[in-house]
Amino acid sequence: MKHLFARFATKVSEWAGKPVIFILALIAVVIWAALGPFFDYSETWQLVINTGTTIVTFLMVFVLQNAQTRDTRAIQAKLNEIILTSHAENRFIGIENLDEEELKRLDELVAKACQRQG
């Protein structure tokens, strides 16, 4: 089930990111807006767009977060591999798990090292 959702999330995020999908969404909004006068801009008319966009947004948050998390993990694994096979310092492996203060301290150390080399 986990892999099924991962594949689904990847496909949906790829599909949702296409320009044609944006254009279709824009057309839907324009059609909805054009129908406003026919429905006297009623509460039901407003509820249609509000409900539709809320549902799509709510569901897409989980789908896109899943895809983003997997992409981030894959990038992190690739960077770790580069660090391990290069002359870079191994202390950078796993820094994504540090807290904010530790990341700031590490960033300052890197900035100082850069100044010494430049």
N, C-alpha and C. Protein backbone atom coordinates (compact mmCIF):
# COMPACT_ATOMS: atom_id res chain seq x y z
N MET A 1 0.83 -1.20 0.00
CA MET A 1 0.00 0.00 0.00
C MET A 1 0.87 1.26 0.00
N LYS A 2 2.00 1.19 0.76
CA LYS A 2 2.90 2.33 0.86
C LYS A 2 3.51 2.67 -0.50
N HIS A 3 3.94 1.64 -1.23
CA HIS A 3 4.53 1.85 -2.54
C HIS A 3 3.49 2.31 -3.56
N LEU A 4 2.28 1.84 -3.41
CA LEU A 4 1.20 2.26 -4.30
C LEU A 4 0.95 3.75 -4.15
N PHE A 5 0.90 4.23 -2.90
CA PHE A 5 0.69 5.67 -2.68
C PHE A 5 1.88 6.47 -3.18
N ALA A 6 3.09 5.96 -3.02
CA ALA A 6 4.29 6.67 -3.50
C ALA A 6 4.24 6.82 -5.01
N ARG A 7 3.87 5.76 -5.71
CA ARG A 7 3.75 5.85 -7.18
C ARG A 7 2.64 6.80 -7.57
N PHE A 8 1.51 6.71 -6.86
CA PHE A 8 0.38 7.60 -7.11
C PHE A 8 0.79 9.06 -6.89
N ALA A 9 1.48 9.33 -5.79
CA ALA A 9 1.91 10.69 -5.47
C ALA A 9 2.86 11.24 -6.52
N THR A 10 3.76 10.40 -6.99
CA THR A 10 4.71 10.83 -8.02
C THR A 10 3.98 11.18 -9.31
N LYS A 11 3.08 10.31 -9.73
CA LYS A 11 2.33 10.56 -10.97
C LYS A 11 1.47 11.81 -10.86
N VAL A 12 0.78 11.96 -9.74
CA VAL A 12 -0.09 13.13 -9.57
C VAL A 12 0.73 14.41 -9.53
N SER A 13 1.86 14.40 -8.83
CA SER A 13 2.68 15.62 -8.77
C SER A 13 3.27 15.96 -10.13
N GLU A 14 3.65 14.95 -10.90
CA GLU A 14 4.13 15.21 -12.26
C GLU A 14 3.01 15.77 -13.13
N TRP A 15 1.84 15.18 -13.01
CA TRP A 15 0.67 15.61 -13.79
C TRP A 15 0.25 17.02 -13.39
N ALA A 16 0.20 17.30 -12.10
CA ALA A 16 -0.27 18.60 -11.61
C ALA A 16 0.69 19.72 -11.98
N GLY A 17 1.94 19.40 -12.21
CA GLY A 17 2.92 20.43 -12.53
C GLY A 17 2.98 20.81 -14.00
N LYS A 18 2.17 20.20 -14.81
CA LYS A 18 2.21 20.50 -16.25
C LYS A 18 1.44 21.79 -16.56
N PRO A 19 1.92 22.56 -17.51
CA PRO A 19 1.25 23.81 -17.87
C PRO A 19 -0.20 23.60 -18.32
N VAL A 20 -0.48 22.50 -18.99
CA VAL A 20 -1.84 22.26 -19.47
C VAL A 20 -2.82 22.14 -18.30
N ILE A 21 -2.38 21.61 -17.19
CA ILE A 21 -3.25 21.47 -16.02
C ILE A 21 -3.54 22.85 -15.44
N PHE A 22 -2.53 23.71 -15.41
CA PHE A 22 -2.76 25.09 -14.96
C PHE A 22 -3.78 25.78 -15.86
N ILE A 23 -3.63 25.59 -17.16
CA ILE A 23 -4.56 26.22 -18.11
C ILE A 23 -5.98 25.68 -17.90
N LEU A 24 -6.11 24.38 -17.68
CA LEU A 24 -7.43 23.81 -17.42
C LEU A 24 -8.05 24.38 -16.14
N ALA A 25 -7.24 24.53 -15.11
CA ALA A 25 -7.73 25.11 -13.85
C ALA A 25 -8.14 26.56 -14.07
N LEU A 26 -7.35 27.29 -14.83
CA LEU A 26 -7.67 28.68 -15.14
C LEU A 26 -8.97 28.78 -15.93
N ILE A 27 -9.16 27.90 -16.89
CA ILE A 27 -10.40 27.86 -17.68
C ILE A 27 -11.60 27.56 -16.77
N ALA A 28 -11.42 26.64 -15.84
CA ALA A 28 -12.51 26.30 -14.91
C ALA A 28 -12.90 27.52 -14.08
N VAL A 29 -11.92 28.27 -13.63
CA VAL A 29 -12.20 29.48 -12.84
C VAL A 29 -12.88 30.53 -13.69
N VAL A 30 -12.44 30.70 -14.91
CA VAL A 30 -13.06 31.68 -15.81
C VAL A 30 -14.50 31.30 -16.11
N ILE A 31 -14.74 30.01 -16.36
CA ILE A 31 -16.12 29.54 -16.59
C ILE A 31 -16.98 29.79 -15.36
N TRP A 32 -16.43 29.46 -14.19
CA TRP A 32 -17.16 29.69 -12.95
C TRP A 32 -17.49 31.17 -12.79
N ALA A 33 -16.52 32.03 -13.04
CA ALA A 33 -16.73 33.48 -12.91
C ALA A 33 -17.76 33.97 -13.92
N ALA A 34 -17.71 33.44 -15.15
CA ALA A 34 -18.66 33.86 -16.19
C ALA A 34 -20.09 33.43 -15.85
N LEU A 35 -20.22 32.35 -15.11
CA LEU A 35 -21.55 31.88 -14.72
C LEU A 35 -22.13 32.66 -13.54
N GLY A 36 -21.32 33.49 -12.91
CA GLY A 36 -21.77 34.28 -11.77
C GLY A 36 -23.06 35.05 -12.01
N PRO A 37 -23.15 35.82 -13.11
CA PRO A 37 -24.38 36.59 -13.35
C PRO A 37 -25.62 35.70 -13.55
N PHE A 38 -25.43 34.53 -14.13
CA PHE A 38 -26.57 33.62 -14.36
C PHE A 38 -27.12 33.07 -13.04
N PHE A 39 -26.26 32.99 -12.05
CA PHE A 39 -26.68 32.49 -10.74
C PHE A 39 -26.82 33.61 -9.72
N ASP A 40 -26.83 34.85 -10.21
CA ASP A 40 -26.95 36.04 -9.35
C ASP A 40 -25.90 36.05 -8.25
N TYR A 41 -24.76 35.54 -8.56
CA TYR A 41 -23.65 35.49 -7.60
C TYR A 41 -24.11 34.94 -6.24
N SER A 42 -24.91 33.90 -6.31
CA SER A 42 -25.52 33.33 -5.11
C SER A 42 -24.49 32.65 -4.22
N GLU A 43 -24.95 32.34 -3.01
CA GLU A 43 -24.08 31.62 -2.08
C GLU A 43 -23.72 30.24 -2.62
N THR A 44 -24.65 29.61 -3.31
CA THR A 44 -24.37 28.29 -3.89
C THR A 44 -23.30 28.41 -4.96
N TRP A 45 -23.38 29.45 -5.77
CA TRP A 45 -22.38 29.69 -6.81
C TRP A 45 -21.00 29.86 -6.18
N GLN A 46 -20.92 30.61 -5.10
CA GLN A 46 -19.65 30.82 -4.40
C GLN A 46 -19.18 29.53 -3.72
N LEU A 47 -20.13 28.79 -3.18
CA LEU A 47 -19.80 27.56 -2.48
C LEU A 47 -19.17 26.53 -3.41
N VAL A 48 -19.58 26.53 -4.67
CA VAL A 48 -19.03 25.57 -5.64
C VAL A 48 -17.52 25.75 -5.76
N ILE A 49 -17.06 26.97 -5.98
CA ILE A 49 -15.62 27.19 -6.15
C ILE A 49 -14.88 27.01 -4.83
N ASN A 50 -15.48 27.49 -3.75
CA ASN A 50 -14.83 27.35 -2.44
C ASN A 50 -14.65 25.89 -2.06
N THR A 51 -15.68 25.10 -2.23
CA THR A 51 -15.61 23.68 -1.88
C THR A 51 -14.64 22.94 -2.79
N GLY A 52 -14.75 23.19 -4.07
CA GLY A 52 -13.87 22.52 -5.03
C GLY A 52 -12.40 22.81 -4.78
N THR A 53 -12.07 24.08 -4.61
CA THR A 53 -10.66 24.43 -4.40
C THR A 53 -10.15 23.94 -3.04
N THR A 54 -11.02 23.95 -2.04
CA THR A 54 -10.60 23.47 -0.72
C THR A 54 -10.30 21.98 -0.76
N ILE A 55 -11.15 21.22 -1.40
CA ILE A 55 -10.94 19.77 -1.49
C ILE A 55 -9.65 19.45 -2.26
N VAL A 56 -9.48 20.10 -3.40
CA VAL A 56 -8.28 19.85 -4.21
C VAL A 56 -7.03 20.24 -3.43
N THR A 57 -7.05 21.40 -2.79
CA THR A 57 -5.90 21.86 -2.02
C THR A 57 -5.58 20.90 -0.88
N PHE A 58 -6.60 20.50 -0.14
CA PHE A 58 -6.41 19.59 0.99
C PHE A 58 -5.75 18.29 0.56
N LEU A 59 -6.25 17.70 -0.52
CA LEU A 59 -5.70 16.43 -0.98
C LEU A 59 -4.30 16.59 -1.58
N MET A 60 -4.10 17.67 -2.32
CA MET A 60 -2.80 17.88 -2.96
C MET A 60 -1.69 18.13 -1.95
N VAL A 61 -2.01 18.70 -0.81
CA VAL A 61 -0.98 18.92 0.21
C VAL A 61 -0.31 17.60 0.57
N PHE A 62 -1.09 16.57 0.80
CA PHE A 62 -0.53 15.27 1.19
C PHE A 62 0.21 14.60 0.05
N VAL A 63 -0.33 14.69 -1.14
CA VAL A 63 0.31 14.08 -2.30
C VAL A 63 1.64 14.76 -2.60
N LEU A 64 1.64 16.08 -2.64
CA LEU A 64 2.87 16.80 -2.96
C LEU A 64 3.90 16.69 -1.84
N GLN A 65 3.45 16.67 -0.59
CA GLN A 65 4.40 16.50 0.52
C GLN A 65 5.08 15.15 0.44
N ASN A 66 4.35 14.11 0.10
CA ASN A 66 4.93 12.79 -0.04
C ASN A 66 5.99 12.79 -1.13
N ALA A 67 5.65 13.34 -2.28
CA ALA A 67 6.61 13.39 -3.40
C ALA A 67 7.83 14.23 -3.03
N GLN A 68 7.62 15.36 -2.39
CA GLN A 68 8.72 16.24 -2.00
C GLN A 68 9.63 15.57 -0.97
N THR A 69 9.06 14.88 -0.02
CA THR A 69 9.86 14.20 1.00
C THR A 69 10.74 13.13 0.37
N ARG A 70 10.19 12.36 -0.55
CA ARG A 70 10.99 11.32 -1.22
C ARG A 70 12.08 11.95 -2.08
N ASP A 71 11.76 13.03 -2.78
CA ASP A 71 12.78 13.71 -3.58
C ASP A 71 13.91 14.23 -2.70
N THR A 72 13.55 14.81 -1.57
CA THR A 72 14.56 15.34 -0.65
C THR A 72 15.45 14.22 -0.13
N ARG A 73 14.85 13.09 0.23
CA ARG A 73 15.65 11.96 0.71
C ARG A 73 16.60 11.44 -0.37
N ALA A 74 16.11 11.39 -1.59
CA ALA A 74 16.95 10.92 -2.70
C ALA A 74 18.12 11.88 -2.94
N ILE A 75 17.85 13.16 -2.92
CA ILE A 75 18.92 14.15 -3.10
C ILE A 75 19.93 14.04 -1.97
N GLN A 76 19.43 13.88 -0.74
CA GLN A 76 20.31 13.76 0.42
C GLN A 76 21.21 12.53 0.29
N ALA A 77 20.64 11.44 -0.17
CA ALA A 77 21.44 10.21 -0.35
C ALA A 77 22.51 10.43 -1.41
N LYS A 78 22.18 11.12 -2.48
CA LYS A 78 23.16 11.40 -3.53
C LYS A 78 24.27 12.30 -3.01
N LEU A 79 23.91 13.32 -2.25
CA LEU A 79 24.92 14.21 -1.69
C LEU A 79 25.83 13.47 -0.71
N ASN A 80 25.23 12.60 0.10
CA ASN A 80 26.04 11.81 1.03
C ASN A 80 27.03 10.93 0.27
N GLU A 81 26.59 10.36 -0.84
CA GLU A 81 27.48 9.53 -1.66
C GLU A 81 28.62 10.37 -2.22
N ILE A 82 28.32 11.57 -2.67
CA ILE A 82 29.37 12.45 -3.19
C ILE A 82 30.36 12.80 -2.10
N ILE A 83 29.86 13.10 -0.91
CA ILE A 83 30.75 13.42 0.22
C ILE A 83 31.64 12.23 0.54
N LEU A 84 31.05 11.04 0.59
CA LEU A 84 31.83 9.85 0.94
C LEU A 84 32.91 9.53 -0.08
N THR A 85 32.68 9.82 -1.34
CA THR A 85 33.63 9.45 -2.39
C THR A 85 34.55 10.60 -2.78
N SER A 86 34.46 11.72 -2.08
CA SER A 86 35.32 12.86 -2.40
C SER A 86 36.22 13.18 -1.21
N HIS A 87 36.87 14.31 -1.30
CA HIS A 87 37.75 14.76 -0.21
C HIS A 87 36.99 15.66 0.76
N ALA A 88 35.69 15.72 0.63
CA ALA A 88 34.89 16.54 1.54
C ALA A 88 34.89 15.91 2.93
N GLU A 89 34.55 16.73 3.90
CA GLU A 89 34.53 16.23 5.28
C GLU A 89 33.28 15.41 5.53
N ASN A 90 33.47 14.24 6.11
CA ASN A 90 32.35 13.34 6.39
C ASN A 90 31.40 13.87 7.44
N ARG A 91 31.80 14.90 8.18
CA ARG A 91 30.91 15.44 9.22
C ARG A 91 29.66 16.09 8.62
N PHE A 92 29.65 16.32 7.32
CA PHE A 92 28.47 16.90 6.68
C PHE A 92 27.38 15.88 6.40
N ILE A 93 27.72 14.62 6.49
CA ILE A 93 26.71 13.58 6.28
C ILE A 93 25.75 13.58 7.46
N GLY A 94 24.47 13.68 7.15
CA GLY A 94 23.45 13.64 8.19
C GLY A 94 23.13 14.98 8.83
N ILE A 95 23.68 16.08 8.30
CA ILE A 95 23.43 17.37 8.94
C ILE A 95 21.98 17.81 8.82
N GLU A 96 21.22 17.20 7.94
CA GLU A 96 19.80 17.55 7.83
C GLU A 96 19.04 17.18 9.09
N ASN A 97 19.64 16.38 9.94
CA ASN A 97 19.00 15.98 11.20
C ASN A 97 19.38 16.89 12.37
N LEU A 98 20.26 17.86 12.14
CA LEU A 98 20.66 18.77 13.21
C LEU A 98 19.54 19.76 13.51
N ASP A 99 19.58 20.31 14.72
CA ASP A 99 18.60 21.35 15.03
C ASP A 99 19.08 22.69 14.46
N GLU A 100 18.26 23.70 14.59
CA GLU A 100 18.54 25.00 13.96
C GLU A 100 19.84 25.62 14.48
N GLU A 101 20.07 25.55 15.77
CA GLU A 101 21.30 26.11 16.35
C GLU A 101 22.54 25.41 15.83
N GLU A 102 22.50 24.10 15.75
CA GLU A 102 23.65 23.34 15.26
C GLU A 102 23.91 23.66 13.78
N LEU A 103 22.85 23.82 13.01
CA LEU A 103 23.01 24.18 11.60
C LEU A 103 23.63 25.57 11.45
N LYS A 104 23.21 26.51 12.28
CA LYS A 104 23.79 27.86 12.24
C LYS A 104 25.27 27.81 12.58
N ARG A 105 25.62 27.04 13.60
CA ARG A 105 27.03 26.93 14.01
C ARG A 105 27.87 26.31 12.89
N LEU A 106 27.35 25.28 12.25
CA LEU A 106 28.06 24.64 11.14
C LEU A 106 28.19 25.60 9.96
N ASP A 107 27.16 26.37 9.70
CA ASP A 107 27.19 27.35 8.62
C ASP A 107 28.28 28.41 8.88
N GLU A 108 28.40 28.83 10.13
CA GLU A 108 29.44 29.81 10.50
C GLU A 108 30.83 29.21 10.30
N LEU A 109 31.00 27.93 10.67
CA LEU A 109 32.29 27.27 10.48
C LEU A 109 32.67 27.20 9.00
N VAL A 110 31.70 26.89 8.17
CA VAL A 110 31.95 26.81 6.73
C VAL A 110 32.29 28.19 6.17
N ALA A 111 31.58 29.22 6.64
CA ALA A 111 31.86 30.59 6.18
C ALA A 111 33.28 31.01 6.57
N LYS A 112 33.71 30.66 7.78
CA LYS A 112 35.08 30.99 8.22
C LYS A 112 36.11 30.25 7.38
N ALA A 113 35.85 28.98 7.10
CA ALA A 113 36.77 28.19 6.29
C ALA A 113 36.86 28.76 4.88
N CYS A 114 35.76 29.25 4.38
CA CYS A 114 35.74 29.85 3.04
C CYS A 114 36.57 31.12 3.01
N GLN A 115 36.48 31.92 4.07
CA GLN A 115 37.25 33.16 4.14
C GLN A 115 38.74 32.87 4.21
N ARG A 116 39.11 31.81 4.92
CA ARG A 116 40.53 31.45 5.04
C ARG A 116 41.10 31.02 3.69
N GLN A 117 40.29 30.34 2.88
CA GLN A 117 40.76 29.85 1.58
C GLN A 117 40.72 30.95 0.51
N GLY A 118 39.82 31.93 0.69
CA GLY A 118 39.65 32.98 -0.33
C GLY A 118 40.54 34.10 -0.06
